[in-house]
Amino acid sequence: MAAAFTKTFGVDIGYNAIPASEYRKLDFPGTEDLGNMFQFKNEFEDDFCKARDVKFTKELNPQLMTLETWLSKNKGKLEPMISGEAATA
């Protein structure tokens, strides 16, 4: 995702992997649930991804876009936020 943002906006977007156990310690609502979700995806990625049939999803929603396409279509809305400290965090 960081690479897609970097390519679309021409700004180096960093990625900081945070272990689920550390994420749960952050100070905002929902960190426990999000930490659990990240841990599940990390530990069971094959099962997590196998359960999602992209072809079937596209049949249900023909307007489904790749991240790159979505970023391109929404670049103007996102560009004001993709700068400075947020881009290098």
PDB file of N, CA and C in Angstrom:
ATOM      1  N   MET A   1       0.825  -1.181   0.000  1.00  0.00           N
ATOM      2  CA  MET A   1       0.000   0.000   0.000  1.00  0.00           C
ATOM      3  C   MET A   1       0.873   1.250   0.000  1.00  0.00           C
ATOM      4  N   ALA A   2       1.938   1.231   0.802  1.00  0.00           N
ATOM      5  CA  ALA A   2       2.829   2.387   0.842  1.00  0.00           C
ATOM      6  C   ALA A   2       3.440   2.635  -0.529  1.00  0.00           C
ATOM      7  N   ALA A   3       3.797   1.568  -1.236  1.00  0.00           N
ATOM      8  CA  ALA A   3       4.377   1.716  -2.578  1.00  0.00           C
ATOM      9  C   ALA A   3       3.366   2.323  -3.544  1.00  0.00           C
ATOM     10  N   ALA A   4       2.101   1.923  -3.444  1.00  0.00           N
ATOM     11  CA  ALA A   4       1.057   2.474  -4.314  1.00  0.00           C
ATOM     12  C   ALA A   4       0.853   3.961  -4.045  1.00  0.00           C
ATOM     13  N   PHE A   5       0.846   4.351  -2.769  1.00  0.00           N
ATOM     14  CA  PHE A   5       0.713   5.769  -2.426  1.00  0.00           C
ATOM     15  C   PHE A   5       1.922   6.551  -2.944  1.00  0.00           C
ATOM     16  N   THR A   6       3.121   6.000  -2.755  1.00  0.00           N
ATOM     17  CA  THR A   6       4.346   6.659  -3.219  1.00  0.00           C
ATOM     18  C   THR A   6       4.295   6.881  -4.719  1.00  0.00           C
ATOM     19  N   LYS A   7       3.899   5.850  -5.471  1.00  0.00           N
ATOM     20  CA  LYS A   7       3.823   5.949  -6.931  1.00  0.00           C
ATOM     21  C   LYS A   7       2.783   6.984  -7.366  1.00  0.00           C
ATOM     22  N   THR A   8       1.619   6.966  -6.745  1.00  0.00           N
ATOM     23  CA  THR A   8       0.536   7.865  -7.145  1.00  0.00           C
ATOM     24  C   THR A   8       0.850   9.321  -6.833  1.00  0.00           C
ATOM     25  N   PHE A   9       1.423   9.572  -5.653  1.00  0.00           N
ATOM     26  CA  PHE A   9       1.597  10.958  -5.205  1.00  0.00           C
ATOM     27  C   PHE A   9       3.011  11.491  -5.371  1.00  0.00           C
ATOM     28  N   GLY A  10       3.956  10.625  -5.733  1.00  0.00           N
ATOM     29  CA  GLY A  10       5.323  11.082  -5.921  1.00  0.00           C
ATOM     30  C   GLY A  10       5.976  11.539  -4.636  1.00  0.00           C
ATOM     31  N   VAL A  11       5.482  11.055  -3.515  1.00  0.00           N
ATOM     32  CA  VAL A  11       6.025  11.386  -2.199  1.00  0.00           C
ATOM     33  C   VAL A  11       6.374  10.061  -1.520  1.00  0.00           C
ATOM     34  N   ASP A  12       7.549   9.985  -0.912  1.00  0.00           N
ATOM     35  CA  ASP A  12       7.945   8.751  -0.260  1.00  0.00           C
ATOM     36  C   ASP A  12       7.068   8.499   0.969  1.00  0.00           C
ATOM     37  N   ILE A  13       6.235   7.488   0.887  1.00  0.00           N
ATOM     38  CA  ILE A  13       5.348   7.121   1.991  1.00  0.00           C
ATOM     39  C   ILE A  13       5.993   5.965   2.739  1.00  0.00           C
ATOM     40  N   GLY A  14       6.220   6.149   4.010  1.00  0.00           N
ATOM     41  CA  GLY A  14       6.855   5.120   4.819  1.00  0.00           C
ATOM     42  C   GLY A  14       5.856   4.110   5.358  1.00  0.00           C
ATOM     43  N   TYR A  15       6.372   2.968   5.736  1.00  0.00           N
ATOM     44  CA  TYR A  15       5.563   1.920   6.363  1.00  0.00           C
ATOM     45  C   TYR A  15       6.258   1.507   7.643  1.00  0.00           C
ATOM     46  N   ASN A  16       5.524   1.481   8.723  1.00  0.00           N
ATOM     47  CA  ASN A  16       6.080   1.123  10.021  1.00  0.00           C
ATOM     48  C   ASN A  16       5.293  -0.065  10.563  1.00  0.00           C
ATOM     49  N   ALA A  17       5.864  -1.250  10.459  1.00  0.00           N
ATOM     50  CA  ALA A  17       5.196  -2.450  10.966  1.00  0.00           C
ATOM     51  C   ALA A  17       5.198  -2.414  12.492  1.00  0.00           C
ATOM     52  N   ILE A  18       4.027  -2.525  13.080  1.00  0.00           N
ATOM     53  CA  ILE A  18       3.886  -2.518  14.530  1.00  0.00           C
ATOM     54  C   ILE A  18       3.323  -3.870  14.949  1.00  0.00           C
ATOM     55  N   PRO A  19       3.993  -4.587  15.849  1.00  0.00           N
ATOM     56  CA  PRO A  19       3.440  -5.858  16.314  1.00  0.00           C
ATOM     57  C   PRO A  19       2.064  -5.646  16.948  1.00  0.00           C
ATOM     58  N   ALA A  20       1.184  -6.628  16.774  1.00  0.00           N
ATOM     59  CA  ALA A  20      -0.179  -6.520  17.308  1.00  0.00           C
ATOM     60  C   ALA A  20      -0.172  -6.234  18.799  1.00  0.00           C
ATOM     61  N   SER A  21       0.754  -6.833  19.536  1.00  0.00           N
ATOM     62  CA  SER A  21       0.812  -6.610  20.982  1.00  0.00           C
ATOM     63  C   SER A  21       1.115  -5.151  21.314  1.00  0.00           C
ATOM     64  N   GLU A  22       1.920  -4.485  20.497  1.00  0.00           N
ATOM     65  CA  GLU A  22       2.224  -3.068  20.709  1.00  0.00           C
ATOM     66  C   GLU A  22       1.072  -2.194  20.233  1.00  0.00           C
ATOM     67  N   TYR A  23       0.425  -2.601  19.145  1.00  0.00           N
ATOM     68  CA  TYR A  23      -0.699  -1.830  18.617  1.00  0.00           C
ATOM     69  C   TYR A  23      -1.815  -1.740  19.654  1.00  0.00           C
ATOM     70  N   ARG A  24      -2.038  -2.844  20.376  1.00  0.00           N
ATOM     71  CA  ARG A  24      -3.097  -2.865  21.400  1.00  0.00           C
ATOM     72  C   ARG A  24      -2.843  -1.848  22.518  1.00  0.00           C
ATOM     73  N   LYS A  25      -1.602  -1.409  22.685  1.00  0.00           N
ATOM     74  CA  LYS A  25      -1.239  -0.463  23.744  1.00  0.00           C
ATOM     75  C   LYS A  25      -1.447   0.999  23.339  1.00  0.00           C
ATOM     76  N   LEU A  26      -1.728   1.250  22.064  1.00  0.00           N
ATOM     77  CA  LEU A  26      -1.912   2.629  21.613  1.00  0.00           C
ATOM     78  C   LEU A  26      -3.137   3.236  22.289  1.00  0.00           C
ATOM     79  N   ASP A  27      -3.143   4.559  22.375  1.00  0.00           N
ATOM     80  CA  ASP A  27      -4.155   5.260  23.155  1.00  0.00           C
ATOM     81  C   ASP A  27      -5.270   5.832  22.290  1.00  0.00           C
ATOM     82  N   PHE A  28      -6.103   4.960  21.724  1.00  0.00           N
ATOM     83  CA  PHE A  28      -7.324   5.399  21.063  1.00  0.00           C
ATOM     84  C   PHE A  28      -8.306   4.231  21.037  1.00  0.00           C
ATOM     85  N   PRO A  29      -9.579   4.509  20.961  1.00  0.00           N
ATOM     86  CA  PRO A  29     -10.596   3.447  21.016  1.00  0.00           C
ATOM     87  C   PRO A  29     -10.438   2.446  19.873  1.00  0.00           C
ATOM     88  N   GLY A  30     -10.611   1.172  20.184  1.00  0.00           N
ATOM     89  CA  GLY A  30     -10.594   0.126  19.168  1.00  0.00           C
ATOM     90  C   GLY A  30      -9.267  -0.565  18.980  1.00  0.00           C
ATOM     91  N   THR A  31      -8.238  -0.165  19.747  1.00  0.00           N
ATOM     92  CA  THR A  31      -6.924  -0.765  19.537  1.00  0.00           C
ATOM     93  C   THR A  31      -6.913  -2.267  19.825  1.00  0.00           C
ATOM     94  N   GLU A  32      -7.684  -2.720  20.786  1.00  0.00           N
ATOM     95  CA  GLU A  32      -7.739  -4.151  21.109  1.00  0.00           C
ATOM     96  C   GLU A  32      -8.294  -4.934  19.915  1.00  0.00           C
ATOM     97  N   ASP A  33      -9.409  -4.475  19.365  1.00  0.00           N
ATOM     98  CA  ASP A  33     -10.014  -5.155  18.213  1.00  0.00           C
ATOM     99  C   ASP A  33      -9.102  -5.105  16.988  1.00  0.00           C
ATOM    100  N   LEU A  34      -8.539  -3.944  16.716  1.00  0.00           N
ATOM    101  CA  LEU A  34      -7.650  -3.823  15.567  1.00  0.00           C
ATOM    102  C   LEU A  34      -6.398  -4.681  15.749  1.00  0.00           C
ATOM    103  N   GLY A  35      -5.837  -4.689  16.948  1.00  0.00           N
ATOM    104  CA  GLY A  35      -4.680  -5.534  17.236  1.00  0.00           C
ATOM    105  C   GLY A  35      -4.990  -7.002  17.001  1.00  0.00           C
ATOM    106  N   ASN A  36      -6.186  -7.426  17.438  1.00  0.00           N
ATOM    107  CA  ASN A  36      -6.599  -8.817  17.213  1.00  0.00           C
ATOM    108  C   ASN A  36      -6.712  -9.111  15.717  1.00  0.00           C
ATOM    109  N   MET A  37      -7.302  -8.180  14.971  1.00  0.00           N
ATOM    110  CA  MET A  37      -7.451  -8.361  13.527  1.00  0.00           C
ATOM    111  C   MET A  37      -6.085  -8.468  12.848  1.00  0.00           C
ATOM    112  N   PHE A  38      -5.155  -7.579  13.207  1.00  0.00           N
ATOM    113  CA  PHE A  38      -3.823  -7.603  12.607  1.00  0.00           C
ATOM    114  C   PHE A  38      -3.091  -8.894  12.958  1.00  0.00           C
ATOM    115  N   GLN A  39      -3.243  -9.354  14.205  1.00  0.00           N
ATOM    116  CA  GLN A  39      -2.595 -10.596  14.617  1.00  0.00           C
ATOM    117  C   GLN A  39      -3.158 -11.780  13.835  1.00  0.00           C
ATOM    118  N   PHE A  40      -4.475 -11.832  13.687  1.00  0.00           N
ATOM    119  CA  PHE A  40      -5.095 -12.931  12.937  1.00  0.00           C
ATOM    120  C   PHE A  40      -4.582 -12.951  11.502  1.00  0.00           C
ATOM    121  N   LYS A  41      -4.575 -11.780  10.853  1.00  0.00           N
ATOM    122  CA  LYS A  41      -4.107 -11.733   9.469  1.00  0.00           C
ATOM    123  C   LYS A  41      -2.647 -12.152   9.378  1.00  0.00           C
ATOM    124  N   ASN A  42      -1.837 -11.721  10.307  1.00  0.00           N
ATOM    125  CA  ASN A  42      -0.423 -12.063  10.305  1.00  0.00           C
ATOM    126  C   ASN A  42      -0.202 -13.566  10.496  1.00  0.00           C
ATOM    127  N   GLU A  43      -0.923 -14.156  11.427  1.00  0.00           N
ATOM    128  CA  GLU A  43      -0.705 -15.564  11.760  1.00  0.00           C
ATOM    129  C   GLU A  43      -1.443 -16.527  10.827  1.00  0.00           C
ATOM    130  N   PHE A  44      -2.516 -16.054  10.193  1.00  0.00           N
ATOM    131  CA  PHE A  44      -3.337 -16.932   9.352  1.00  0.00           C
ATOM    132  C   PHE A  44      -3.588 -16.308   7.976  1.00  0.00           C
ATOM    133  N   GLU A  45      -2.562 -15.666   7.411  1.00  0.00           N
ATOM    134  CA  GLU A  45      -2.748 -14.932   6.155  1.00  0.00           C
ATOM    135  C   GLU A  45      -3.268 -15.828   5.033  1.00  0.00           C
ATOM    136  N   ASP A  46      -2.760 -17.047   4.925  1.00  0.00           N
ATOM    137  CA  ASP A  46      -3.236 -17.937   3.858  1.00  0.00           C
ATOM    138  C   ASP A  46      -4.737 -18.185   3.990  1.00  0.00           C
ATOM    139  N   ASP A  47      -5.195 -18.503   5.197  1.00  0.00           N
ATOM    140  CA  ASP A  47      -6.624 -18.736   5.418  1.00  0.00           C
ATOM    141  C   ASP A  47      -7.422 -17.452   5.207  1.00  0.00           C
ATOM    142  N   PHE A  48      -6.882 -16.344   5.684  1.00  0.00           N
ATOM    143  CA  PHE A  48      -7.539 -15.038   5.569  1.00  0.00           C
ATOM    144  C   PHE A  48      -7.780 -14.691   4.099  1.00  0.00           C
ATOM    145  N   CYS A  49      -6.752 -14.856   3.272  1.00  0.00           N
ATOM    146  CA  CYS A  49      -6.856 -14.483   1.852  1.00  0.00           C
ATOM    147  C   CYS A  49      -7.617 -15.535   1.047  1.00  0.00           C
ATOM    148  N   LYS A  50      -7.471 -16.800   1.396  1.00  0.00           N
ATOM    149  CA  LYS A  50      -8.143 -17.867   0.663  1.00  0.00           C
ATOM    150  C   LYS A  50      -9.663 -17.745   0.772  1.00  0.00           C
ATOM    151  N   ALA A  51     -10.152 -17.186   1.858  1.00  0.00           N
ATOM    152  CA  ALA A  51     -11.595 -17.071   2.074  1.00  0.00           C
ATOM    153  C   ALA A  51     -12.216 -15.976   1.221  1.00  0.00           C
ATOM    154  N   ARG A  52     -11.414 -15.196   0.525  1.00  0.00           N
ATOM    155  CA  ARG A  52     -11.922 -14.104  -0.285  1.00  0.00           C
ATOM    156  C   ARG A  52     -11.706 -14.405  -1.764  1.00  0.00           C
ATOM    157  N   ASP A  53     -12.762 -14.604  -2.483  1.00  0.00           N
ATOM    158  CA  ASP A  53     -12.703 -14.916  -3.901  1.00  0.00           C
ATOM    159  C   ASP A  53     -12.855 -13.617  -4.697  1.00  0.00           C
ATOM    160  N   VAL A  54     -11.739 -13.104  -5.210  1.00  0.00           N
ATOM    161  CA  VAL A  54     -11.748 -11.820  -5.901  1.00  0.00           C
ATOM    162  C   VAL A  54     -12.629 -11.880  -7.151  1.00  0.00           C
ATOM    163  N   LYS A  55     -12.574 -12.978  -7.886  1.00  0.00           N
ATOM    164  CA  LYS A  55     -13.403 -13.106  -9.091  1.00  0.00           C
ATOM    165  C   LYS A  55     -14.894 -13.003  -8.738  1.00  0.00           C
ATOM    166  N   PHE A  56     -15.301 -13.698  -7.684  1.00  0.00           N
ATOM    167  CA  PHE A  56     -16.696 -13.647  -7.257  1.00  0.00           C
ATOM    168  C   PHE A  56     -17.071 -12.244  -6.774  1.00  0.00           C
ATOM    169  N   THR A  57     -16.162 -11.623  -6.063  1.00  0.00           N
ATOM    170  CA  THR A  57     -16.401 -10.258  -5.590  1.00  0.00           C
ATOM    171  C   THR A  57     -16.620  -9.315  -6.768  1.00  0.00           C
ATOM    172  N   LYS A  58     -15.825  -9.470  -7.831  1.00  0.00           N
ATOM    173  CA  LYS A  58     -15.987  -8.628  -9.023  1.00  0.00           C
ATOM    174  C   LYS A  58     -17.311  -8.912  -9.731  1.00  0.00           C
ATOM    175  N   GLU A  59     -17.787 -10.156  -9.645  1.00  0.00           N
ATOM    176  CA  GLU A  59     -19.098 -10.467 -10.209  1.00  0.00           C
ATOM    177  C   GLU A  59     -20.198  -9.740  -9.424  1.00  0.00           C
ATOM    178  N   LEU A  60     -20.054  -9.698  -8.110  1.00  0.00           N
ATOM    179  CA  LEU A  60     -21.030  -9.008  -7.272  1.00  0.00           C
ATOM    180  C   LEU A  60     -20.956  -7.496  -7.442  1.00  0.00           C
ATOM    181  N   ASN A  61     -19.742  -6.999  -7.637  1.00  0.00           N
ATOM    182  CA  ASN A  61     -19.533  -5.560  -7.756  1.00  0.00           C
ATOM    183  C   ASN A  61     -18.587  -5.274  -8.926  1.00  0.00           C
ATOM    184  N   PRO A  62     -19.126  -5.139 -10.125  1.00  0.00           N
ATOM    185  CA  PRO A  62     -18.274  -4.902 -11.296  1.00  0.00           C
ATOM    186  C   PRO A  62     -17.472  -3.599 -11.222  1.00  0.00           C
ATOM    187  N   GLN A  63     -17.858  -2.671 -10.359  1.00  0.00           N
ATOM    188  CA  GLN A  63     -17.111  -1.419 -10.222  1.00  0.00           C
ATOM    189  C   GLN A  63     -15.918  -1.545  -9.289  1.00  0.00           C
ATOM    190  N   LEU A  64     -15.657  -2.741  -8.776  1.00  0.00           N
ATOM    191  CA  LEU A  64     -14.522  -2.956  -7.877  1.00  0.00           C
ATOM    192  C   LEU A  64     -13.240  -2.472  -8.543  1.00  0.00           C
ATOM    193  N   MET A  65     -12.424  -1.730  -7.799  1.00  0.00           N
ATOM    194  CA  MET A  65     -11.187  -1.158  -8.332  1.00  0.00           C
ATOM    195  C   MET A  65      -9.985  -1.692  -7.578  1.00  0.00           C
ATOM    196  N   THR A  66      -8.850  -1.684  -8.241  1.00  0.00           N
ATOM    197  CA  THR A  66      -7.593  -1.948  -7.549  1.00  0.00           C
ATOM    198  C   THR A  66      -7.284  -0.725  -6.689  1.00  0.00           C
ATOM    199  N   LEU A  67      -6.394  -0.884  -5.744  1.00  0.00           N
ATOM    200  CA  LEU A  67      -5.991   0.259  -4.919  1.00  0.00           C
ATOM    201  C   LEU A  67      -5.414   1.362  -5.797  1.00  0.00           C
ATOM    202  N   GLU A  68      -4.587   0.982  -6.770  1.00  0.00           N
ATOM    203  CA  GLU A  68      -3.963   1.970  -7.642  1.00  0.00           C
ATOM    204  C   GLU A  68      -5.012   2.781  -8.411  1.00  0.00           C
ATOM    205  N   THR A  69      -6.031   2.102  -8.928  1.00  0.00           N
ATOM    206  CA  THR A  69      -7.091   2.798  -9.657  1.00  0.00           C
ATOM    207  C   THR A  69      -7.863   3.729  -8.726  1.00  0.00           C
ATOM    208  N   TRP A  70      -8.195   3.235  -7.529  1.00  0.00           N
ATOM    209  CA  TRP A  70      -8.933   4.046  -6.564  1.00  0.00           C
ATOM    210  C   TRP A  70      -8.128   5.282  -6.173  1.00  0.00           C
ATOM    211  N   LEU A  71      -6.828   5.094  -5.931  1.00  0.00           N
ATOM    212  CA  LEU A  71      -5.976   6.240  -5.584  1.00  0.00           C
ATOM    213  C   LEU A  71      -5.961   7.262  -6.715  1.00  0.00           C
ATOM    214  N   SER A  72      -5.825   6.782  -7.934  1.00  0.00           N
ATOM    215  CA  SER A  72      -5.796   7.680  -9.083  1.00  0.00           C
ATOM    216  C   SER A  72      -7.095   8.479  -9.193  1.00  0.00           C
ATOM    217  N   LYS A  73      -8.232   7.818  -9.004  1.00  0.00           N
ATOM    218  CA  LYS A  73      -9.531   8.495  -9.108  1.00  0.00           C
ATOM    219  C   LYS A  73      -9.763   9.476  -7.957  1.00  0.00           C
ATOM    220  N   ASN A  74      -9.125   9.246  -6.825  1.00  0.00           N
ATOM    221  CA  ASN A  74      -9.344  10.093  -5.644  1.00  0.00           C
ATOM    222  C   ASN A  74      -8.141  10.958  -5.298  1.00  0.00           C
ATOM    223  N   LYS A  75      -7.183  11.028  -6.201  1.00  0.00           N
ATOM    224  CA  LYS A  75      -5.947  11.761  -5.936  1.00  0.00           C
ATOM    225  C   LYS A  75      -6.201  13.202  -5.503  1.00  0.00           C
ATOM    226  N   GLY A  76      -7.089  13.883  -6.196  1.00  0.00           N
ATOM    227  CA  GLY A  76      -7.370  15.281  -5.866  1.00  0.00           C
ATOM    228  C   GLY A  76      -7.906  15.471  -4.458  1.00  0.00           C
ATOM    229  N   LYS A  77      -8.705  14.519  -3.983  1.00  0.00           N
ATOM    230  CA  LYS A  77      -9.268  14.602  -2.632  1.00  0.00           C
ATOM    231  C   LYS A  77      -8.224  14.278  -1.571  1.00  0.00           C
ATOM    232  N   LEU A  78      -7.299  13.383  -1.913  1.00  0.00           N
ATOM    233  CA  LEU A  78      -6.315  12.916  -0.931  1.00  0.00           C
ATOM    234  C   LEU A  78      -5.047  13.757  -0.896  1.00  0.00           C
ATOM    235  N   GLU A  79      -4.713  14.373  -2.004  1.00  0.00           N
ATOM    236  CA  GLU A  79      -3.437  15.086  -2.129  1.00  0.00           C
ATOM    237  C   GLU A  79      -3.166  16.091  -1.014  1.00  0.00           C
ATOM    238  N   PRO A  80      -4.155  16.875  -0.571  1.00  0.00           N
ATOM    239  CA  PRO A  80      -3.854  17.830   0.503  1.00  0.00           C
ATOM    240  C   PRO A  80      -3.373  17.149   1.802  1.00  0.00           C
ATOM    241  N   MET A  81      -3.740  15.889   1.991  1.00  0.00           N
ATOM    242  CA  MET A  81      -3.346  15.185   3.218  1.00  0.00           C
ATOM    243  C   MET A  81      -2.028  14.436   3.056  1.00  0.00           C
ATOM    244  N   ILE A  82      -1.561  14.266   1.834  1.00  0.00           N
ATOM    245  CA  ILE A  82      -0.361  13.485   1.566  1.00  0.00           C
ATOM    246  C   ILE A  82       0.828  14.424   1.437  1.00  0.00           C
ATOM    247  N   SER A  83       1.273  14.947   2.558  1.00  0.00           N
ATOM    248  CA  SER A  83       2.406  15.845   2.544  1.00  0.00           C
ATOM    249  C   SER A  83       3.010  15.921   3.928  1.00  0.00           C
ATOM    250  N   GLY A  84       4.185  16.465   3.986  1.00  0.00           N
ATOM    251  CA  GLY A  84       4.837  16.742   5.256  1.00  0.00           C
ATOM    252  C   GLY A  84       5.005  15.521   6.141  1.00  0.00           C
ATOM    253  N   GLU A  85       4.740  15.696   7.413  1.00  0.00           N
ATOM    254  CA  GLU A  85       4.990  14.670   8.420  1.00  0.00           C
ATOM    255  C   GLU A  85       4.186  13.399   8.170  1.00  0.00           C
ATOM    256  N   ALA A  86       2.967  13.514   7.703  1.00  0.00           N
ATOM    257  CA  ALA A  86       2.135  12.345   7.470  1.00  0.00           C
ATOM    258  C   ALA A  86       2.748  11.418   6.428  1.00  0.00           C
ATOM    259  N   ALA A  87       3.439  11.980   5.466  1.00  0.00           N
ATOM    260  CA  ALA A  87       4.030  11.186   4.396  1.00  0.00           C
ATOM    261  C   ALA A  87       5.258  10.427   4.848  1.00  0.00           C
ATOM    262  N   THR A  88       5.924  10.896   5.881  1.00  0.00           N
ATOM    263  CA  THR A  88       7.171  10.252   6.299  1.00  0.00           C
ATOM    264  C   THR A  88       7.039   9.521   7.630  1.00  0.00           C
ATOM    265  N   ALA A  89       5.844   9.476   8.174  1.00  0.00           N
ATOM    266  CA  ALA A  89       5.641   8.829   9.475  1.00  0.00           C
ATOM    267  C   ALA A  89       5.902   7.344   9.385  1.00  0.00           C
TER     268      ALA A  89
END
